[in-house]
Amino acid sequence: MIVQIVGEGQHASSWIESTNADGGTQPGLCYFELQDDGTISRIADFRPDPYELPAQRAHLVERY
């Protein structure tokens, strides 16, 4: 569920709530960098609980 989205110029952020496998919810914060045409060029996604992405998306992620 999207809680809030804000942006200005070439930067935006979102606050979301997602459902865990156990049925609980966790917040997520995403920061976006946008190109001149409005397309997203970079996303930084933060979640407080450990989260494993589906295997088919692993090539799209850089872990810290």
C-alpha atoms as a PDB file:
ATOM      1  CA  MET A   1       0.000   0.000   0.000  1.00  0.00           C
ATOM      2  CA  ILE A   2       1.334   3.432  -0.869  1.00  0.00           C
ATOM      3  CA  VAL A   3       1.260   5.757   2.141  1.00  0.00           C
ATOM      4  CA  GLN A   4       2.902   8.841   0.624  1.00  0.00           C
ATOM      5  CA  ILE A   5       4.877   9.929  -2.444  1.00  0.00           C
ATOM      6  CA  VAL A   6       6.718  13.238  -2.701  1.00  0.00           C
ATOM      7  CA  GLY A   7       9.040  14.657  -5.305  1.00  0.00           C
ATOM      8  CA  GLU A   8      10.609  17.699  -6.817  1.00  0.00           C
ATOM      9  CA  GLY A   9      12.744  18.086  -9.903  1.00  0.00           C
ATOM     10  CA  GLN A  10      14.777  14.945 -10.484  1.00  0.00           C
ATOM     11  CA  HIS A  11      14.256  13.429  -7.008  1.00  0.00           C
ATOM     12  CA  ALA A  12      11.324  11.634  -5.411  1.00  0.00           C
ATOM     13  CA  SER A  13      10.632   9.354  -2.472  1.00  0.00           C
ATOM     14  CA  SER A  14       7.900   6.989  -1.399  1.00  0.00           C
ATOM     15  CA  TRP A  15       6.721   5.495   1.869  1.00  0.00           C
ATOM     16  CA  ILE A  16       4.970   2.152   1.475  1.00  0.00           C
ATOM     17  CA  GLU A  17       3.581  -0.592   3.704  1.00  0.00           C
ATOM     18  CA  SER A  18       4.002  -4.181   2.507  1.00  0.00           C
ATOM     19  CA  THR A  19       2.779  -7.509   3.859  1.00  0.00           C
ATOM     20  CA  ASN A  20       5.371 -10.058   5.018  1.00  0.00           C
ATOM     21  CA  ALA A  21       5.105 -13.805   4.455  1.00  0.00           C
ATOM     22  CA  ASP A  22       3.882 -14.156   8.060  1.00  0.00           C
ATOM     23  CA  GLY A  23       1.027 -11.698   7.451  1.00  0.00           C
ATOM     24  CA  GLY A  24       2.605  -8.799   9.344  1.00  0.00           C
ATOM     25  CA  THR A  25       3.380  -5.471   7.716  1.00  0.00           C
ATOM     26  CA  GLN A  26       6.595  -3.554   7.364  1.00  0.00           C
ATOM     27  CA  PRO A  27       7.311  -0.050   6.100  1.00  0.00           C
ATOM     28  CA  GLY A  28       9.547   0.607   3.138  1.00  0.00           C
ATOM     29  CA  LEU A  29      11.246   3.797   2.009  1.00  0.00           C
ATOM     30  CA  CYS A  30      12.331   4.288  -1.584  1.00  0.00           C
ATOM     31  CA  TYR A  31      14.379   7.125  -3.039  1.00  0.00           C
ATOM     32  CA  PHE A  32      14.282   7.747  -6.778  1.00  0.00           C
ATOM     33  CA  GLU A  33      16.562   9.644  -9.152  1.00  0.00           C
ATOM     34  CA  LEU A  34      14.805  10.702 -12.341  1.00  0.00           C
ATOM     35  CA  GLN A  35      16.076  11.518 -15.801  1.00  0.00           C
ATOM     36  CA  ASP A  36      15.042  14.656 -17.675  1.00  0.00           C
ATOM     37  CA  ASP A  37      12.224  12.736 -19.395  1.00  0.00           C
ATOM     38  CA  GLY A  38      10.802  11.596 -16.026  1.00  0.00           C
ATOM     39  CA  THR A  39      11.944   7.972 -16.215  1.00  0.00           C
ATOM     40  CA  ILE A  40      13.591   6.453 -13.152  1.00  0.00           C
ATOM     41  CA  SER A  41      17.367   6.080 -13.441  1.00  0.00           C
ATOM     42  CA  ARG A  42      18.107   4.825  -9.900  1.00  0.00           C
ATOM     43  CA  ILE A  43      16.185   3.452  -6.925  1.00  0.00           C
ATOM     44  CA  ALA A  44      17.445   3.030  -3.354  1.00  0.00           C
ATOM     45  CA  ASP A  45      15.025   0.839  -1.362  1.00  0.00           C
ATOM     46  CA  PHE A  46      15.232   0.575   2.448  1.00  0.00           C
ATOM     47  CA  ARG A  47      13.349  -1.844   4.697  1.00  0.00           C
ATOM     48  CA  PRO A  48      13.840  -2.333   8.447  1.00  0.00           C
ATOM     49  CA  ASP A  49      13.454  -6.124   8.379  1.00  0.00           C
ATOM     50  CA  PRO A  50      15.627  -8.509   6.327  1.00  0.00           C
ATOM     51  CA  TYR A  51      14.009  -9.196   2.988  1.00  0.00           C
ATOM     52  CA  GLU A  52      14.956 -11.688   0.308  1.00  0.00           C
ATOM     53  CA  LEU A  53      14.023 -10.754  -3.216  1.00  0.00           C
ATOM     54  CA  PRO A  54      12.588 -13.314  -5.598  1.00  0.00           C
ATOM     55  CA  ALA A  55      15.426 -15.107  -7.446  1.00  0.00           C
ATOM     56  CA  GLN A  56      14.316 -13.724 -10.831  1.00  0.00           C
ATOM     57  CA  ARG A  57      15.035 -10.163  -9.588  1.00  0.00           C
ATOM     58  CA  ALA A  58      18.430 -10.834  -7.960  1.00  0.00           C
ATOM     59  CA  HIS A  59      20.359  -9.523 -10.989  1.00  0.00           C
ATOM     60  CA  LEU A  60      18.712  -6.106 -10.544  1.00  0.00           C
ATOM     61  CA  VAL A  61      19.906  -5.567  -6.960  1.00  0.00           C
ATOM     62  CA  GLU A  62      23.117  -4.329  -5.375  1.00  0.00           C
ATOM     63  CA  ARG A  63      23.228  -5.387  -1.700  1.00  0.00           C
ATOM     64  CA  TYR A  64      25.001  -3.323   0.963  1.00  0.00           C
END
